[in-house]
Structure formats: structure tokens, C-alpha cells
């Protein structure tokens, strides 16, 4: 079992979700200021 590989993939997935949420927030803010 590669627990290290599994853990890193989970961290990468969480990071990607976090980035998507951040860009979504930026889009919402920009949309509100239009």
C-alpha cells in the first residue's frame, strides 16, 4: 500500500478545489462591481 502517494493525491485534490473556490470568489466579486 502506498499511503504516501494516496495522501499526496488527496492534498493535490484539496488544493485544486481550494484554487477553484478562490477563482470563483474573484469572479463573483468582479461580476458584482460591473
PDB file of N, CA and C in Angstrom:
ATOM      1  N   UNK A   1       0.838  -1.212   0.000  1.00  0.00           N
ATOM      2  CA  UNK A   1       0.000   0.000   0.000  1.00  0.00           C
ATOM      3  C   UNK A   1       0.868   1.256   0.000  1.00  0.00           C
ATOM      4  N   UNK A   2       0.598   2.150  -0.928  1.00  0.00           N
ATOM      5  CA  UNK A   2       1.322   3.427  -0.982  1.00  0.00           C
ATOM      6  C   UNK A   2       0.500   4.501  -0.290  1.00  0.00           C
ATOM      7  N   UNK A   3       0.622   4.565   1.036  1.00  0.00           N
ATOM      8  CA  UNK A   3      -0.150   5.563   1.778  1.00  0.00           C
ATOM      9  C   UNK A   3       0.340   6.966   1.447  1.00  0.00           C
ATOM     10  N   UNK A   4       1.641   7.121   1.211  1.00  0.00           N
ATOM     11  CA  UNK A   4       2.201   8.434   0.882  1.00  0.00           C
ATOM     12  C   UNK A   4       1.636   8.959  -0.432  1.00  0.00           C
ATOM     13  N   UNK A   5       1.555   8.089  -1.442  1.00  0.00           N
ATOM     14  CA  UNK A   5       1.019   8.503  -2.738  1.00  0.00           C
ATOM     15  C   UNK A   5      -0.450   8.870  -2.636  1.00  0.00           C
ATOM     16  N   UNK A   6      -1.209   8.086  -1.869  1.00  0.00           N
ATOM     17  CA  UNK A   6      -2.634   8.359  -1.687  1.00  0.00           C
ATOM     18  C   UNK A   6      -2.817   9.704  -0.995  1.00  0.00           C
ATOM     19  N   UNK A   7      -2.011   9.930   0.043  1.00  0.00           N
ATOM     20  CA  UNK A   7      -2.116  11.173   0.815  1.00  0.00           C
ATOM     21  C   UNK A   7      -1.803  12.374  -0.068  1.00  0.00           C
ATOM     22  N   UNK A   8      -0.760  12.274  -0.882  1.00  0.00           N
ATOM     23  CA  UNK A   8      -0.379  13.408  -1.734  1.00  0.00           C
ATOM     24  C   UNK A   8      -1.464  13.701  -2.766  1.00  0.00           C
ATOM     25  N   UNK A   9      -2.109  12.656  -3.292  1.00  0.00           N
ATOM     26  CA  UNK A   9      -3.175  12.885  -4.274  1.00  0.00           C
ATOM     27  C   UNK A   9      -4.369  13.570  -3.618  1.00  0.00           C
ATOM     28  N   UNK A  10      -4.649  13.218  -2.359  1.00  0.00           N
ATOM     29  CA  UNK A  10      -5.734  13.870  -1.624  1.00  0.00           C
ATOM     30  C   UNK A  10      -5.397  15.341  -1.401  1.00  0.00           C
ATOM     31  N   UNK A  11      -4.150  15.621  -1.037  1.00  0.00           N
ATOM     32  CA  UNK A  11      -3.715  17.009  -0.816  1.00  0.00           C
ATOM     33  C   UNK A  11      -3.823  17.800  -2.116  1.00  0.00           C
ATOM     34  N   UNK A  12      -3.412  17.203  -3.229  1.00  0.00           N
ATOM     35  CA  UNK A  12      -3.487  17.883  -4.533  1.00  0.00           C
ATOM     36  C   UNK A  12      -4.947  18.165  -4.883  1.00  0.00           C
ATOM     37  N   UNK A  13      -5.839  17.195  -4.643  1.00  0.00           N
ATOM     38  CA  UNK A  13      -7.261  17.392  -4.935  1.00  0.00           C
ATOM     39  C   UNK A  13      -7.822  18.531  -4.094  1.00  0.00           C
ATOM     40  N   UNK A  14      -7.488  18.546  -2.798  1.00  0.00           N
ATOM     41  CA  UNK A  14      -7.955  19.616  -1.917  1.00  0.00           C
ATOM     42  C   UNK A  14      -7.426  20.964  -2.386  1.00  0.00           C
ATOM     43  N   UNK A  15      -6.168  21.006  -2.816  1.00  0.00           N
ATOM     44  CA  UNK A  15      -5.562  22.249  -3.294  1.00  0.00           C
ATOM     45  C   UNK A  15      -6.285  22.753  -4.538  1.00  0.00           C
ATOM     46  N   UNK A  16      -6.601  21.836  -5.468  1.00  0.00           N
ATOM     47  CA  UNK A  16      -7.295  22.227  -6.697  1.00  0.00           C
ATOM     48  C   UNK A  16      -8.680  22.774  -6.379  1.00  0.00           C
ATOM     49  N   UNK A  17      -9.391  22.128  -5.438  1.00  0.00           N
ATOM     50  CA  UNK A  17     -10.720  22.603  -5.036  1.00  0.00           C
ATOM     51  C   UNK A  17     -10.604  23.993  -4.428  1.00  0.00           C
ATOM     52  N   UNK A  18      -9.601  24.189  -3.576  1.00  0.00           N
ATOM     53  CA  UNK A  18      -9.390  25.481  -2.926  1.00  0.00           C
ATOM     54  C   UNK A  18      -9.128  26.561  -3.977  1.00  0.00           C
ATOM     55  N   UNK A  19      -8.293  26.241  -4.979  1.00  0.00           N
ATOM     56  CA  UNK A  19      -7.991  27.210  -6.036  1.00  0.00           C
ATOM     57  C   UNK A  19      -9.255  27.557  -6.826  1.00  0.00           C
ATOM     58  N   UNK A  20     -10.072  26.547  -7.136  1.00  0.00           N
ATOM     59  CA  UNK A  20     -11.306  26.786  -7.881  1.00  0.00           C
ATOM     60  C   UNK A  20     -12.243  27.695  -7.094  1.00  0.00           C
ATOM     61  N   UNK A  21     -12.367  27.444  -5.798  1.00  0.00           N
ATOM     62  CA  UNK A  21     -13.234  28.276  -4.966  1.00  0.00           C
ATOM     63  C   UNK A  21     -12.715  29.709  -4.924  1.00  0.00           C
ATOM     64  N   UNK A  22     -11.386  29.860  -4.857  1.00  0.00           N
ATOM     65  CA  UNK A  22     -10.799  31.200  -4.812  1.00  0.00           C
ATOM     66  C   UNK A  22     -11.095  31.957  -6.105  1.00  0.00           C
ATOM     67  N   UNK A  23     -10.923  31.299  -7.259  1.00  0.00           N
ATOM     68  CA  UNK A  23     -11.176  31.971  -8.530  1.00  0.00           C
ATOM     69  C   UNK A  23     -12.666  32.261  -8.676  1.00  0.00           C
ATOM     70  N   UNK A  24     -13.515  31.364  -8.155  1.00  0.00           N
ATOM     71  CA  UNK A  24     -14.961  31.593  -8.202  1.00  0.00           C
ATOM     72  C   UNK A  24     -15.308  32.846  -7.416  1.00  0.00           C
ATOM     73  N   UNK A  25     -14.715  32.990  -6.240  1.00  0.00           N
ATOM     74  CA  UNK A  25     -14.956  34.178  -5.407  1.00  0.00           C
ATOM     75  C   UNK A  25     -14.529  35.435  -6.149  1.00  0.00           C
ATOM     76  N   UNK A  26     -13.378  35.383  -6.816  1.00  0.00           N
ATOM     77  CA  UNK A  26     -12.879  36.544  -7.561  1.00  0.00           C
ATOM     78  C   UNK A  26     -13.861  36.890  -8.682  1.00  0.00           C
ATOM     79  N   UNK A  27     -14.368  35.869  -9.393  1.00  0.00           N
ATOM     80  CA  UNK A  27     -15.326  36.109 -10.468  1.00  0.00           C
ATOM     81  C   UNK A  27     -16.597  36.755  -9.928  1.00  0.00           C
ATOM     82  N   UNK A  28     -17.073  36.276  -8.775  1.00  0.00           N
ATOM     83  CA  UNK A  28     -18.283  36.832  -8.161  1.00  0.00           C
ATOM     84  C   UNK A  28     -18.060  38.297  -7.801  1.00  0.00           C
ATOM     85  N   UNK A  29     -16.906  38.598  -7.215  1.00  0.00           N
ATOM     86  CA  UNK A  29     -16.597  39.984  -6.827  1.00  0.00           C
ATOM     87  C   UNK A  29     -16.537  40.870  -8.069  1.00  0.00           C
ATOM     88  N   UNK A  30     -15.850  40.408  -9.122  1.00  0.00           N
ATOM     89  CA  UNK A  30     -15.747  41.201 -10.351  1.00  0.00           C
ATOM     90  C   UNK A  30     -17.123  41.405 -10.969  1.00  0.00           C
ATOM     91  N   UNK A  31     -17.954  40.368 -10.919  1.00  0.00           N
ATOM     92  CA  UNK A  31     -19.293  40.446 -11.502  1.00  0.00           C
ATOM     93  C   UNK A  31     -20.147  41.469 -10.758  1.00  0.00           C
ATOM     94  N   UNK A  32     -19.991  41.527  -9.435  1.00  0.00           N
ATOM     95  CA  UNK A  32     -20.777  42.456  -8.627  1.00  0.00           C
ATOM     96  C   UNK A  32     -20.388  43.899  -8.912  1.00  0.00           C
ATOM     97  N   UNK A  33     -19.122  44.145  -9.239  1.00  0.00           N
ATOM     98  CA  UNK A  33     -18.663  45.521  -9.451  1.00  0.00           C
ATOM     99  C   UNK A  33     -19.018  46.058 -10.838  1.00  0.00           C
ATOM    100  N   UNK A  34     -19.509  45.197 -11.729  1.00  0.00           N
ATOM    101  CA  UNK A  34     -19.841  45.650 -13.081  1.00  0.00           C
ATOM    102  C   UNK A  34     -21.091  46.517 -13.097  1.00  0.00           C
TER     103      UNK A  34
END
